[in-house]
Amino acid sequence: MSIWHWLIVLILFVAFVFPYAKIIRKAGYSGWWVLVMFVPLVNIIAIWAFALLDWPVTQRARAQSANF
């Protein structure tokens, strides 16, 4: 495989992983959860879980507003 192939693979990898990691970190989870994206079927379950579960960020915000 040529250097161009690996360059394209690297660009696509960064193009997919970076936004996912950023969103996951903003939700309050560890950025390492992005690795789940590469496991078939588990990635779909994880997306649904992240969408439907209460995020740590909202839990912290609720706890802070309850203290005031």
PDB file of N, CA and C in Angstrom:
ATOM      1  N   MET A   1       0.838  -1.176   0.000  1.00  0.00           N
ATOM      2  CA  MET A   1       0.000   0.000   0.000  1.00  0.00           C
ATOM      3  C   MET A   1       0.885   1.242   0.000  1.00  0.00           C
ATOM      4  N   SER A   2       0.443   2.195  -0.719  1.00  0.00           N
ATOM      5  CA  SER A   2       1.257   3.394  -0.894  1.00  0.00           C
ATOM      6  C   SER A   2       1.074   4.363   0.273  1.00  0.00           C
ATOM      7  N   ILE A   3       1.917   5.350   0.293  1.00  0.00           N
ATOM      8  CA  ILE A   3       1.844   6.394   1.314  1.00  0.00           C
ATOM      9  C   ILE A   3       0.547   7.182   1.177  1.00  0.00           C
ATOM     10  N   TRP A   4       0.038   7.313  -0.050  1.00  0.00           N
ATOM     11  CA  TRP A   4      -1.211   8.054  -0.281  1.00  0.00           C
ATOM     12  C   TRP A   4      -2.392   7.346   0.370  1.00  0.00           C
ATOM     13  N   HIS A   5      -2.381   6.044   0.295  1.00  0.00           N
ATOM     14  CA  HIS A   5      -3.448   5.271   0.935  1.00  0.00           C
ATOM     15  C   HIS A   5      -3.476   5.553   2.434  1.00  0.00           C
ATOM     16  N   TRP A   6      -2.322   5.467   3.074  1.00  0.00           N
ATOM     17  CA  TRP A   6      -2.263   5.672   4.516  1.00  0.00           C
ATOM     18  C   TRP A   6      -2.541   7.116   4.902  1.00  0.00           C
ATOM     19  N   LEU A   7      -2.181   8.045   4.048  1.00  0.00           N
ATOM     20  CA  LEU A   7      -2.498   9.449   4.307  1.00  0.00           C
ATOM     21  C   LEU A   7      -4.010   9.670   4.276  1.00  0.00           C
ATOM     22  N   ILE A   8      -4.680   9.077   3.313  1.00  0.00           N
ATOM     23  CA  ILE A   8      -6.137   9.193   3.220  1.00  0.00           C
ATOM     24  C   ILE A   8      -6.804   8.508   4.410  1.00  0.00           C
ATOM     25  N   VAL A   9      -6.300   7.349   4.796  1.00  0.00           N
ATOM     26  CA  VAL A   9      -6.844   6.648   5.963  1.00  0.00           C
ATOM     27  C   VAL A   9      -6.691   7.508   7.213  1.00  0.00           C
ATOM     28  N   LEU A  10      -5.549   8.123   7.391  1.00  0.00           N
ATOM     29  CA  LEU A  10      -5.313   8.983   8.548  1.00  0.00           C
ATOM     30  C   LEU A  10      -6.251  10.188   8.546  1.00  0.00           C
ATOM     31  N   ILE A  11      -6.418  10.811   7.397  1.00  0.00           N
ATOM     32  CA  ILE A  11      -7.310  11.971   7.290  1.00  0.00           C
ATOM     33  C   ILE A  11      -8.747  11.578   7.623  1.00  0.00           C
ATOM     34  N   LEU A  12      -9.204  10.454   7.088  1.00  0.00           N
ATOM     35  CA  LEU A  12     -10.560  10.000   7.379  1.00  0.00           C
ATOM     36  C   LEU A  12     -10.724   9.622   8.849  1.00  0.00           C
ATOM     37  N   PHE A  13      -9.708   9.002   9.410  1.00  0.00           N
ATOM     38  CA  PHE A  13      -9.745   8.637  10.823  1.00  0.00           C
ATOM     39  C   PHE A  13      -9.922   9.876  11.691  1.00  0.00           C
ATOM     40  N   VAL A  14      -9.114  10.895  11.432  1.00  0.00           N
ATOM     41  CA  VAL A  14      -9.201  12.138  12.203  1.00  0.00           C
ATOM     42  C   VAL A  14     -10.539  12.827  11.953  1.00  0.00           C
ATOM     43  N   ALA A  15     -11.007  12.794  10.703  1.00  0.00           N
ATOM     44  CA  ALA A  15     -12.272  13.440  10.360  1.00  0.00           C
ATOM     45  C   ALA A  15     -13.452  12.809  11.091  1.00  0.00           C
ATOM     46  N   PHE A  16     -13.382  11.526  11.394  1.00  0.00           N
ATOM     47  CA  PHE A  16     -14.471  10.867  12.107  1.00  0.00           C
ATOM     48  C   PHE A  16     -14.278  10.890  13.619  1.00  0.00           C
ATOM     49  N   VAL A  17     -13.078  10.645  14.080  1.00  0.00           N
ATOM     50  CA  VAL A  17     -12.834  10.497  15.513  1.00  0.00           C
ATOM     51  C   VAL A  17     -12.889  11.834  16.245  1.00  0.00           C
ATOM     52  N   PHE A  18     -12.326  12.869  15.697  1.00  0.00           N
ATOM     53  CA  PHE A  18     -12.251  14.155  16.397  1.00  0.00           C
ATOM     54  C   PHE A  18     -13.630  14.705  16.766  1.00  0.00           C
ATOM     55  N   PRO A  19     -14.573  14.790  15.823  1.00  0.00           N
ATOM     56  CA  PRO A  19     -15.894  15.320  16.216  1.00  0.00           C
ATOM     57  C   PRO A  19     -16.609  14.444  17.248  1.00  0.00           C
ATOM     58  N   TYR A  20     -16.521  13.130  17.085  1.00  0.00           N
ATOM     59  CA  TYR A  20     -17.156  12.238  18.058  1.00  0.00           C
ATOM     60  C   TYR A  20     -16.567  12.454  19.448  1.00  0.00           C
ATOM     61  N   ALA A  21     -15.260  12.527  19.540  1.00  0.00           N
ATOM     62  CA  ALA A  21     -14.610  12.717  20.840  1.00  0.00           C
ATOM     63  C   ALA A  21     -14.998  14.058  21.450  1.00  0.00           C
ATOM     64  N   LYS A  22     -15.085  15.079  20.636  1.00  0.00           N
ATOM     65  CA  LYS A  22     -15.455  16.410  21.121  1.00  0.00           C
ATOM     66  C   LYS A  22     -16.876  16.407  21.696  1.00  0.00           C
ATOM     67  N   ILE A  23     -17.799  15.779  20.981  1.00  0.00           N
ATOM     68  CA  ILE A  23     -19.185  15.707  21.438  1.00  0.00           C
ATOM     69  C   ILE A  23     -19.283  14.895  22.724  1.00  0.00           C
ATOM     70  N   ILE A  24     -18.584  13.775  22.766  1.00  0.00           N
ATOM     71  CA  ILE A  24     -18.639  12.917  23.951  1.00  0.00           C
ATOM     72  C   ILE A  24     -18.062  13.638  25.164  1.00  0.00           C
ATOM     73  N   ARG A  25     -16.966  14.383  24.977  1.00  0.00           N
ATOM     74  CA  ARG A  25     -16.383  15.140  26.091  1.00  0.00           C
ATOM     75  C   ARG A  25     -17.312  16.251  26.553  1.00  0.00           C
ATOM     76  N   LYS A  26     -17.999  16.925  25.614  1.00  0.00           N
ATOM     77  CA  LYS A  26     -18.942  17.978  25.993  1.00  0.00           C
ATOM     78  C   LYS A  26     -20.110  17.416  26.790  1.00  0.00           C
ATOM     79  N   ALA A  27     -20.455  16.166  26.530  1.00  0.00           N
ATOM     80  CA  ALA A  27     -21.541  15.518  27.266  1.00  0.00           C
ATOM     81  C   ALA A  27     -21.099  15.114  28.669  1.00  0.00           C
ATOM     82  N   GLY A  28     -19.801  15.133  28.923  1.00  0.00           N
ATOM     83  CA  GLY A  28     -19.292  14.809  30.246  1.00  0.00           C
ATOM     84  C   GLY A  28     -18.691  13.427  30.371  1.00  0.00           C
ATOM     85  N   TYR A  29     -18.629  12.702  29.271  1.00  0.00           N
ATOM     86  CA  TYR A  29     -18.032  11.371  29.289  1.00  0.00           C
ATOM     87  C   TYR A  29     -16.562  11.465  28.896  1.00  0.00           C
ATOM     88  N   SER A  30     -15.829  10.398  29.130  1.00  0.00           N
ATOM     89  CA  SER A  30     -14.428  10.333  28.734  1.00  0.00           C
ATOM     90  C   SER A  30     -14.328  10.268  27.212  1.00  0.00           C
ATOM     91  N   GLY A  31     -13.340  10.941  26.664  1.00  0.00           N
ATOM     92  CA  GLY A  31     -13.121  10.906  25.222  1.00  0.00           C
ATOM     93  C   GLY A  31     -12.769   9.528  24.695  1.00  0.00           C
ATOM     94  N   TRP A  32     -12.353   8.645  25.588  1.00  0.00           N
ATOM     95  CA  TRP A  32     -11.995   7.286  25.179  1.00  0.00           C
ATOM     96  C   TRP A  32     -13.203   6.486  24.707  1.00  0.00           C
ATOM     97  N   TRP A  33     -14.410   6.942  25.038  1.00  0.00           N
ATOM     98  CA  TRP A  33     -15.610   6.253  24.566  1.00  0.00           C
ATOM     99  C   TRP A  33     -15.698   6.259  23.046  1.00  0.00           C
ATOM    100  N   VAL A  34     -14.941   7.114  22.400  1.00  0.00           N
ATOM    101  CA  VAL A  34     -14.963   7.179  20.938  1.00  0.00           C
ATOM    102  C   VAL A  34     -14.475   5.869  20.323  1.00  0.00           C
ATOM    103  N   LEU A  35     -13.689   5.107  21.049  1.00  0.00           N
ATOM    104  CA  LEU A  35     -13.199   3.830  20.523  1.00  0.00           C
ATOM    105  C   LEU A  35     -14.324   2.823  20.304  1.00  0.00           C
ATOM    106  N   VAL A  36     -15.438   3.009  20.996  1.00  0.00           N
ATOM    107  CA  VAL A  36     -16.597   2.133  20.810  1.00  0.00           C
ATOM    108  C   VAL A  36     -17.134   2.262  19.385  1.00  0.00           C
ATOM    109  N   MET A  37     -16.885   3.395  18.772  1.00  0.00           N
ATOM    110  CA  MET A  37     -17.356   3.647  17.412  1.00  0.00           C
ATOM    111  C   MET A  37     -16.824   2.605  16.428  1.00  0.00           C
ATOM    112  N   PHE A  38     -15.719   1.975  16.736  1.00  0.00           N
ATOM    113  CA  PHE A  38     -15.096   1.027  15.814  1.00  0.00           C
ATOM    114  C   PHE A  38     -15.541  -0.420  16.027  1.00  0.00           C
ATOM    115  N   VAL A  39     -16.411  -0.651  17.006  1.00  0.00           N
ATOM    116  CA  VAL A  39     -16.894  -2.009  17.275  1.00  0.00           C
ATOM    117  C   VAL A  39     -18.292  -2.145  16.670  1.00  0.00           C
ATOM    118  N   PRO A  40     -18.442  -3.000  15.673  1.00  0.00           N
ATOM    119  CA  PRO A  40     -19.756  -3.144  15.038  1.00  0.00           C
ATOM    120  C   PRO A  40     -20.832  -3.565  16.040  1.00  0.00           C
ATOM    121  N   LEU A  41     -21.994  -3.072  15.853  1.00  0.00           N
ATOM    122  CA  LEU A  41     -23.189  -3.280  16.673  1.00  0.00           C
ATOM    123  C   LEU A  41     -23.084  -2.575  18.019  1.00  0.00           C
ATOM    124  N   VAL A  42     -21.943  -2.648  18.665  1.00  0.00           N
ATOM    125  CA  VAL A  42     -21.771  -1.941  19.936  1.00  0.00           C
ATOM    126  C   VAL A  42     -21.843  -0.437  19.694  1.00  0.00           C
ATOM    127  N   ASN A  43     -21.350   0.021  18.548  1.00  0.00           N
ATOM    128  CA  ASN A  43     -21.394   1.452  18.256  1.00  0.00           C
ATOM    129  C   ASN A  43     -22.832   1.951  18.146  1.00  0.00           C
ATOM    130  N   ILE A  44     -23.713   1.160  17.574  1.00  0.00           N
ATOM    131  CA  ILE A  44     -25.116   1.564  17.455  1.00  0.00           C
ATOM    132  C   ILE A  44     -25.772   1.598  18.830  1.00  0.00           C
ATOM    133  N   ILE A  45     -25.486   0.601  19.644  1.00  0.00           N
ATOM    134  CA  ILE A  45     -26.031   0.571  21.004  1.00  0.00           C
ATOM    135  C   ILE A  45     -25.508   1.758  21.806  1.00  0.00           C
ATOM    136  N   ALA A  46     -24.233   2.084  21.649  1.00  0.00           N
ATOM    137  CA  ALA A  46     -23.641   3.209  22.382  1.00  0.00           C
ATOM    138  C   ALA A  46     -24.265   4.534  21.967  1.00  0.00           C
ATOM    139  N   ILE A  47     -24.526   4.713  20.686  1.00  0.00           N
ATOM    140  CA  ILE A  47     -25.155   5.956  20.228  1.00  0.00           C
ATOM    141  C   ILE A  47     -26.528   6.113  20.867  1.00  0.00           C
ATOM    142  N   TRP A  48     -27.310   5.041  20.890  1.00  0.00           N
ATOM    143  CA  TRP A  48     -28.631   5.092  21.519  1.00  0.00           C
ATOM    144  C   TRP A  48     -28.512   5.342  23.020  1.00  0.00           C
ATOM    145  N   ALA A  49     -27.550   4.706  23.658  1.00  0.00           N
ATOM    146  CA  ALA A  49     -27.366   4.905  25.097  1.00  0.00           C
ATOM    147  C   ALA A  49     -26.976   6.348  25.396  1.00  0.00           C
ATOM    148  N   PHE A  50     -26.051   6.903  24.633  1.00  0.00           N
ATOM    149  CA  PHE A  50     -25.652   8.296  24.844  1.00  0.00           C
ATOM    150  C   PHE A  50     -26.813   9.245  24.582  1.00  0.00           C
ATOM    151  N   ALA A  51     -27.659   8.910  23.630  1.00  0.00           N
ATOM    152  CA  ALA A  51     -28.794   9.772  23.306  1.00  0.00           C
ATOM    153  C   ALA A  51     -29.874   9.723  24.386  1.00  0.00           C
ATOM    154  N   LEU A  52     -30.093   8.567  24.979  1.00  0.00           N
ATOM    155  CA  LEU A  52     -31.226   8.399  25.885  1.00  0.00           C
ATOM    156  C   LEU A  52     -30.885   8.510  27.366  1.00  0.00           C
ATOM    157  N   LEU A  53     -29.645   8.230  27.743  1.00  0.00           N
ATOM    158  CA  LEU A  53     -29.270   8.309  29.156  1.00  0.00           C
ATOM    159  C   LEU A  53     -29.046   9.753  29.580  1.00  0.00           C
ATOM    160  N   ASP A  54     -29.129   9.979  30.876  1.00  0.00           N
ATOM    161  CA  ASP A  54     -28.865  11.301  31.430  1.00  0.00           C
ATOM    162  C   ASP A  54     -27.357  11.547  31.413  1.00  0.00           C
ATOM    163  N   TRP A  55     -26.930  12.652  30.820  1.00  0.00           N
ATOM    164  CA  TRP A  55     -25.511  12.942  30.690  1.00  0.00           C
ATOM    165  C   TRP A  55     -24.945  13.450  32.008  1.00  0.00           C
ATOM    166  N   PRO A  56     -23.668  13.155  32.287  1.00  0.00           N
ATOM    167  CA  PRO A  56     -23.032  13.671  33.507  1.00  0.00           C
ATOM    168  C   PRO A  56     -23.060  15.201  33.589  1.00  0.00           C
ATOM    169  N   VAL A  57     -22.996  15.878  32.469  1.00  0.00           N
ATOM    170  CA  VAL A  57     -23.019  17.343  32.465  1.00  0.00           C
ATOM    171  C   VAL A  57     -24.355  17.847  32.996  1.00  0.00           C
ATOM    172  N   THR A  58     -25.442  17.251  32.561  1.00  0.00           N
ATOM    173  CA  THR A  58     -26.759  17.686  33.040  1.00  0.00           C
ATOM    174  C   THR A  58     -26.968  17.295  34.495  1.00  0.00           C
ATOM    175  N   GLN A  59     -26.419  16.174  34.907  1.00  0.00           N
ATOM    176  CA  GLN A  59     -26.524  15.777  36.315  1.00  0.00           C
ATOM    177  C   GLN A  59     -25.807  16.781  37.206  1.00  0.00           C
ATOM    178  N   ARG A  60     -24.611  17.210  36.791  1.00  0.00           N
ATOM    179  CA  ARG A  60     -23.858  18.203  37.573  1.00  0.00           C
ATOM    180  C   ARG A  60     -24.584  19.541  37.605  1.00  0.00           C
ATOM    181  N   ALA A  61     -25.153  19.942  36.472  1.00  0.00           N
ATOM    182  CA  ALA A  61     -25.870  21.217  36.413  1.00  0.00           C
ATOM    183  C   ALA A  61     -27.090  21.183  37.332  1.00  0.00           C
ATOM    184  N   ARG A  62     -27.799  20.069  37.340  1.00  0.00           N
ATOM    185  CA  ARG A  62     -28.958  19.923  38.216  1.00  0.00           C
ATOM    186  C   ARG A  62     -28.540  19.962  39.683  1.00  0.00           C
ATOM    187  N   ALA A  63     -27.437  19.318  40.000  1.00  0.00           N
ATOM    188  CA  ALA A  63     -26.950  19.299  41.381  1.00  0.00           C
ATOM    189  C   ALA A  63     -26.521  20.692  41.827  1.00  0.00           C
ATOM    190  N   GLN A  64     -25.889  21.441  40.939  1.00  0.00           N
ATOM    191  CA  GLN A  64     -25.455  22.796  41.283  1.00  0.00           C
ATOM    192  C   GLN A  64     -26.645  23.720  41.462  1.00  0.00           C
ATOM    193  N   SER A  65     -27.662  23.582  40.612  1.00  0.00           N
ATOM    194  CA  SER A  65     -28.831  24.454  40.746  1.00  0.00           C
ATOM    195  C   SER A  65     -29.642  24.091  41.988  1.00  0.00           C
ATOM    196  N   ALA A  66     -29.581  22.850  42.430  1.00  0.00           N
ATOM    197  CA  ALA A  66     -30.288  22.442  43.643  1.00  0.00           C
ATOM    198  C   ALA A  66     -29.600  23.002  44.887  1.00  0.00           C
ATOM    199  N   ASN A  67     -28.299  23.250  44.794  1.00  0.00           N
ATOM    200  CA  ASN A  67     -27.554  23.786  45.938  1.00  0.00           C
ATOM    201  C   ASN A  67     -27.820  25.264  46.153  1.00  0.00           C
ATOM    202  N   PHE A  68     -28.326  25.954  45.158  1.00  0.00           N
ATOM    203  CA  PHE A  68     -28.558  27.396  45.290  1.00  0.00           C
ATOM    204  C   PHE A  68     -29.938  27.700  45.733  1.00  0.00           C
TER     205      PHE A  68
END
